[in-house]
Amino acid sequence: MDAHVREMTAEDIDAVSEIRVRGWQFAYRGLMPQAHLDALDIEEDAAARREFWAKRPPGVRALVAERAGRIVGFCGFGPTRDDDQPEGAYQVYAIYVRPAELATGAGRALMDATLDRCRTAGAPAVCLWVLTGNERARRFYERAGFRTDGTSATYDVDGVPVPEVRYVRQLG
């Protein structure tokens, strides 16, 4: 059964937080400190997400993918946070599906819908950041037409440097 993609609502926040936390714990095992991953809390994430959602910046949007009435994934996107991207470029801030839904088409449906909305908004390009060691995600983005542009960064997670690389897809 294909995933149905729709705009996220405030009522979806609990499910989205569960997917985000479980997604991090699955995808980032071995890529960032396990103690950090183990400490992630769904209820805390949901509370922070509700606060953000109530006053999110203009243009910031999110989509959810559903199967049989159950949310199986989400994607957050909006104007890029990267100053060196073209005027009007967008950024995928996060895209996660339930680990059991990997390779079922839910992620592809979310990405396709996200790119369609970015294109409709007039974005010339879309960028995203991915952990350098997250090979599964990197393959997914490459199949979706994204290419690394050579830009990298490192951020600190509990005193451990975590490297990431930027991918970009032109929409023109």
C-alpha atoms as a PDB file:
ATOM      1  CA  MET A   1       0.000   0.000   0.000  1.00  0.00           C
ATOM      2  CA  ASP A   2       1.361   3.409  -0.985  1.00  0.00           C
ATOM      3  CA  ALA A   3       1.950   6.057   1.642  1.00  0.00           C
ATOM      4  CA  HIS A   4      -0.383   9.049   1.620  1.00  0.00           C
ATOM      5  CA  VAL A   5       1.449  12.369   2.176  1.00  0.00           C
ATOM      6  CA  ARG A   6      -0.258  15.392   3.714  1.00  0.00           C
ATOM      7  CA  GLU A   7       0.569  18.585   5.594  1.00  0.00           C
ATOM      8  CA  MET A   8       1.478  18.031   9.230  1.00  0.00           C
ATOM      9  CA  THR A   9      -0.828  19.422  11.909  1.00  0.00           C
ATOM     10  CA  ALA A  10      -0.323  20.071  15.610  1.00  0.00           C
ATOM     11  CA  GLU A  11      -2.252  16.852  16.301  1.00  0.00           C
ATOM     12  CA  ASP A  12       0.560  14.901  14.622  1.00  0.00           C
ATOM     13  CA  ILE A  13       3.303  16.080  16.978  1.00  0.00           C
ATOM     14  CA  ASP A  14       3.307  13.059  19.324  1.00  0.00           C
ATOM     15  CA  ALA A  15       3.696  10.623  16.420  1.00  0.00           C
ATOM     16  CA  VAL A  16       6.326  12.806  14.741  1.00  0.00           C
ATOM     17  CA  SER A  17       8.350  13.017  17.965  1.00  0.00           C
ATOM     18  CA  GLU A  18       8.263   9.255  18.362  1.00  0.00           C
ATOM     19  CA  ILE A  19       9.467   8.820  14.778  1.00  0.00           C
ATOM     20  CA  ARG A  20      12.208  11.412  15.235  1.00  0.00           C
ATOM     21  CA  VAL A  21      13.554   9.917  18.473  1.00  0.00           C
ATOM     22  CA  ARG A  22      13.387   6.310  17.226  1.00  0.00           C
ATOM     23  CA  GLY A  23      14.877   7.444  13.913  1.00  0.00           C
ATOM     24  CA  TRP A  24      17.838   9.057  15.642  1.00  0.00           C
ATOM     25  CA  GLN A  25      18.367   6.023  17.849  1.00  0.00           C
ATOM     26  CA  PHE A  26      18.350   3.742  14.811  1.00  0.00           C
ATOM     27  CA  ALA A  27      20.178   5.816  12.195  1.00  0.00           C
ATOM     28  CA  TYR A  28      22.860   7.371  14.380  1.00  0.00           C
ATOM     29  CA  ARG A  29      23.919   4.300  16.379  1.00  0.00           C
ATOM     30  CA  GLY A  30      27.711   4.250  16.159  1.00  0.00           C
ATOM     31  CA  LEU A  31      27.810   7.750  14.640  1.00  0.00           C
ATOM     32  CA  MET A  32      27.278   9.724  17.848  1.00  0.00           C
ATOM     33  CA  PRO A  33      27.561   8.902  21.543  1.00  0.00           C
ATOM     34  CA  GLN A  34      25.205   6.088  22.535  1.00  0.00           C
ATOM     35  CA  ALA A  35      24.513   7.758  25.895  1.00  0.00           C
ATOM     36  CA  HIS A  36      23.141  10.765  24.031  1.00  0.00           C
ATOM     37  CA  LEU A  37      20.891   8.571  21.890  1.00  0.00           C
ATOM     38  CA  ASP A  38      19.702   6.572  24.898  1.00  0.00           C
ATOM     39  CA  ALA A  39      18.806   9.795  26.729  1.00  0.00           C
ATOM     40  CA  LEU A  40      16.480  11.062  23.988  1.00  0.00           C
ATOM     41  CA  ASP A  41      12.950  11.341  25.347  1.00  0.00           C
ATOM     42  CA  ILE A  42       9.831  11.301  23.190  1.00  0.00           C
ATOM     43  CA  GLU A  43       7.763  13.408  25.596  1.00  0.00           C
ATOM     44  CA  GLU A  44      10.491  16.068  25.890  1.00  0.00           C
ATOM     45  CA  ASP A  45      10.857  16.134  22.115  1.00  0.00           C
ATOM     46  CA  ALA A  46       7.087  16.523  21.714  1.00  0.00           C
ATOM     47  CA  ALA A  47       6.969  19.395  24.218  1.00  0.00           C
ATOM     48  CA  ALA A  48       9.769  21.227  22.399  1.00  0.00           C
ATOM     49  CA  ARG A  49       8.147  20.500  19.028  1.00  0.00           C
ATOM     50  CA  ARG A  50       4.764  21.888  20.240  1.00  0.00           C
ATOM     51  CA  GLU A  51       6.457  25.096  21.374  1.00  0.00           C
ATOM     52  CA  PHE A  52       8.291  25.442  18.061  1.00  0.00           C
ATOM     53  CA  TRP A  53       5.193  24.600  16.011  1.00  0.00           C
ATOM     54  CA  ALA A  54       3.139  27.308  17.730  1.00  0.00           C
ATOM     55  CA  LYS A  55       5.595  30.018  16.652  1.00  0.00           C
ATOM     56  CA  ARG A  56       7.469  28.528  13.706  1.00  0.00           C
ATOM     57  CA  PRO A  57       9.075  30.992  11.294  1.00  0.00           C
ATOM     58  CA  PRO A  58       7.300  31.899   8.043  1.00  0.00           C
ATOM     59  CA  GLY A  59       7.771  29.328   5.313  1.00  0.00           C
ATOM     60  CA  VAL A  60       8.698  26.463   7.643  1.00  0.00           C
ATOM     61  CA  ARG A  61       6.510  23.475   6.819  1.00  0.00           C
ATOM     62  CA  ALA A  62       6.241  19.783   7.524  1.00  0.00           C
ATOM     63  CA  LEU A  63       4.632  16.827   5.819  1.00  0.00           C
ATOM     64  CA  VAL A  64       3.676  13.441   7.197  1.00  0.00           C
ATOM     65  CA  ALA A  65       3.323  10.111   5.417  1.00  0.00           C
ATOM     66  CA  GLU A  66       0.523   7.794   6.509  1.00  0.00           C
ATOM     67  CA  ARG A  67      -0.364   4.175   5.863  1.00  0.00           C
ATOM     68  CA  ALA A  68      -3.695   2.793   7.045  1.00  0.00           C
ATOM     69  CA  GLY A  69      -4.253   5.931   9.140  1.00  0.00           C
ATOM     70  CA  ARG A  70      -0.916   5.606  10.981  1.00  0.00           C
ATOM     71  CA  ILE A  71       1.852   8.179  10.577  1.00  0.00           C
ATOM     72  CA  VAL A  72       4.953   6.387   9.333  1.00  0.00           C
ATOM     73  CA  GLY A  73       7.239   9.313   8.506  1.00  0.00           C
ATOM     74  CA  PHE A  74       7.701  13.067   8.363  1.00  0.00           C
ATOM     75  CA  CYS A  75       9.729  15.726   6.610  1.00  0.00           C
ATOM     76  CA  GLY A  76      10.397  19.280   7.797  1.00  0.00           C
ATOM     77  CA  PHE A  77      11.552  21.891   5.292  1.00  0.00           C
ATOM     78  CA  GLY A  78      11.602  25.587   4.546  1.00  0.00           C
ATOM     79  CA  PRO A  79      13.905  28.459   3.631  1.00  0.00           C
ATOM     80  CA  THR A  80      17.550  27.488   3.773  1.00  0.00           C
ATOM     81  CA  ARG A  81      19.584  28.387   6.846  1.00  0.00           C
ATOM     82  CA  ASP A  82      22.773  28.449   4.755  1.00  0.00           C
ATOM     83  CA  ASP A  83      23.866  31.953   3.750  1.00  0.00           C
ATOM     84  CA  ASP A  84      25.862  30.718   0.756  1.00  0.00           C
ATOM     85  CA  GLN A  85      22.868  29.144  -1.032  1.00  0.00           C
ATOM     86  CA  PRO A  86      21.040  30.963  -3.852  1.00  0.00           C
ATOM     87  CA  GLU A  87      18.294  33.464  -3.071  1.00  0.00           C
ATOM     88  CA  GLY A  88      15.041  31.588  -2.423  1.00  0.00           C
ATOM     89  CA  ALA A  89      16.691  28.186  -1.872  1.00  0.00           C
ATOM     90  CA  TYR A  90      15.019  25.755   0.500  1.00  0.00           C
ATOM     91  CA  GLN A  91      16.395  23.206   2.939  1.00  0.00           C
ATOM     92  CA  VAL A  92      15.199  19.822   4.123  1.00  0.00           C
ATOM     93  CA  TYR A  93      15.688  20.149   7.882  1.00  0.00           C
ATOM     94  CA  ALA A  94      14.718  16.586   8.761  1.00  0.00           C
ATOM     95  CA  ILE A  95      13.242  13.522   7.115  1.00  0.00           C
ATOM     96  CA  TYR A  96      12.638  10.330   9.051  1.00  0.00           C
ATOM     97  CA  VAL A  97      10.502   7.240   8.728  1.00  0.00           C
ATOM     98  CA  ARG A  98       9.844   4.558  11.289  1.00  0.00           C
ATOM     99  CA  PRO A  99      12.722   2.042  11.118  1.00  0.00           C
ATOM    100  CA  ALA A 100      10.236  -0.699  10.175  1.00  0.00           C
ATOM    101  CA  GLU A 101       9.147   1.477   7.209  1.00  0.00           C
ATOM    102  CA  LEU A 102      12.602   1.840   5.666  1.00  0.00           C
ATOM    103  CA  ALA A 103      12.704   0.774   2.007  1.00  0.00           C
ATOM    104  CA  THR A 104       8.886   0.725   1.719  1.00  0.00           C
ATOM    105  CA  GLY A 105       8.524   3.897  -0.364  1.00  0.00           C
ATOM    106  CA  ALA A 106       7.373   6.139   2.499  1.00  0.00           C
ATOM    107  CA  GLY A 107      10.602   8.143   2.481  1.00  0.00           C
ATOM    108  CA  ARG A 108      10.513   8.464  -1.298  1.00  0.00           C
ATOM    109  CA  ALA A 109       6.886   9.676  -1.155  1.00  0.00           C
ATOM    110  CA  LEU A 110       7.837  12.278   1.456  1.00  0.00           C
ATOM    111  CA  MET A 111      10.866  13.470  -0.515  1.00  0.00           C
ATOM    112  CA  ASP A 112       8.928  13.685  -3.789  1.00  0.00           C
ATOM    113  CA  ALA A 113       6.133  15.687  -2.130  1.00  0.00           C
ATOM    114  CA  THR A 114       8.653  17.956  -0.426  1.00  0.00           C
ATOM    115  CA  LEU A 115      10.508  18.670  -3.669  1.00  0.00           C
ATOM    116  CA  ASP A 116       7.197  19.363  -5.425  1.00  0.00           C
ATOM    117  CA  ARG A 117       6.279  21.928  -2.764  1.00  0.00           C
ATOM    118  CA  CYS A 118       9.729  23.540  -2.931  1.00  0.00           C
ATOM    119  CA  ARG A 119       9.445  23.761  -6.717  1.00  0.00           C
ATOM    120  CA  THR A 120       5.957  25.285  -6.424  1.00  0.00           C
ATOM    121  CA  ALA A 121       7.350  27.857  -3.962  1.00  0.00           C
ATOM    122  CA  GLY A 122       9.887  28.882  -6.622  1.00  0.00           C
ATOM    123  CA  ALA A 123      12.981  27.502  -4.901  1.00  0.00           C
ATOM    124  CA  PRO A 124      15.886  27.213  -7.372  1.00  0.00           C
ATOM    125  CA  ALA A 125      17.581  24.569  -5.219  1.00  0.00           C
ATOM    126  CA  VAL A 126      17.171  22.478  -2.079  1.00  0.00           C
ATOM    127  CA  CYS A 127      19.966  21.594   0.307  1.00  0.00           C
ATOM    128  CA  LEU A 128      20.243  19.293   3.306  1.00  0.00           C
ATOM    129  CA  TRP A 129      22.861  18.108   5.761  1.00  0.00           C
ATOM    130  CA  VAL A 130      23.610  14.467   6.541  1.00  0.00           C
ATOM    131  CA  LEU A 131      26.032  12.799   8.925  1.00  0.00           C
ATOM    132  CA  THR A 132      29.086  11.798   6.932  1.00  0.00           C
ATOM    133  CA  GLY A 133      28.908   8.202   8.158  1.00  0.00           C
ATOM    134  CA  ASN A 134      25.185   7.755   7.473  1.00  0.00           C
ATOM    135  CA  GLU A 135      25.636   5.733   4.286  1.00  0.00           C
ATOM    136  CA  ARG A 136      21.992   4.600   4.065  1.00  0.00           C
ATOM    137  CA  ALA A 137      20.746   8.208   4.106  1.00  0.00           C
ATOM    138  CA  ARG A 138      23.425   9.338   1.672  1.00  0.00           C
ATOM    139  CA  ARG A 139      22.370   6.665  -0.840  1.00  0.00           C
ATOM    140  CA  PHE A 140      18.727   7.730  -0.396  1.00  0.00           C
ATOM    141  CA  TYR A 141      19.565  11.385  -1.100  1.00  0.00           C
ATOM    142  CA  GLU A 142      21.728  10.510  -4.091  1.00  0.00           C
ATOM    143  CA  ARG A 143      18.891   8.419  -5.588  1.00  0.00           C
ATOM    144  CA  ALA A 144      16.660  11.493  -5.081  1.00  0.00           C
ATOM    145  CA  GLY A 145      19.024  13.581  -7.222  1.00  0.00           C
ATOM    146  CA  PHE A 146      21.034  15.308  -4.483  1.00  0.00           C
ATOM    147  CA  ARG A 147      24.805  15.659  -4.815  1.00  0.00           C
ATOM    148  CA  THR A 148      27.379  16.653  -2.238  1.00  0.00           C
ATOM    149  CA  ASP A 149      28.755  20.113  -2.930  1.00  0.00           C
ATOM    150  CA  GLY A 150      31.965  19.638  -0.945  1.00  0.00           C
ATOM    151  CA  THR A 151      30.785  21.655   2.065  1.00  0.00           C
ATOM    152  CA  SER A 152      31.250  19.973   5.420  1.00  0.00           C
ATOM    153  CA  ALA A 153      30.870  20.885   9.069  1.00  0.00           C
ATOM    154  CA  THR A 154      31.318  19.318  12.451  1.00  0.00           C
ATOM    155  CA  TYR A 155      29.153  19.794  15.487  1.00  0.00           C
ATOM    156  CA  ASP A 156      29.621  18.656  19.043  1.00  0.00           C
ATOM    157  CA  VAL A 157      27.460  15.984  20.675  1.00  0.00           C
ATOM    158  CA  ASP A 158      28.409  15.463  24.322  1.00  0.00           C
ATOM    159  CA  GLY A 159      32.028  16.357  23.596  1.00  0.00           C
ATOM    160  CA  VAL A 160      32.300  14.159  20.502  1.00  0.00           C
ATOM    161  CA  PRO A 161      32.769  15.795  17.076  1.00  0.00           C
ATOM    162  CA  VAL A 162      30.121  14.619  14.617  1.00  0.00           C
ATOM    163  CA  PRO A 163      30.962  15.376  10.965  1.00  0.00           C
ATOM    164  CA  GLU A 164      28.311  16.120   8.372  1.00  0.00           C
ATOM    165  CA  VAL A 165      28.283  16.963   4.697  1.00  0.00           C
ATOM    166  CA  ARG A 166      25.927  19.118   2.647  1.00  0.00           C
ATOM    167  CA  TYR A 167      23.954  17.843  -0.337  1.00  0.00           C
ATOM    168  CA  VAL A 168      22.223  20.066  -2.904  1.00  0.00           C
ATOM    169  CA  ARG A 169      19.679  19.434  -5.628  1.00  0.00           C
ATOM    170  CA  GLN A 170      18.931  21.978  -8.327  1.00  0.00           C
ATOM    171  CA  LEU A 171      15.243  22.332  -9.144  1.00  0.00           C
ATOM    172  CA  GLY A 172      15.448  24.443 -12.296  1.00  0.00           C
END
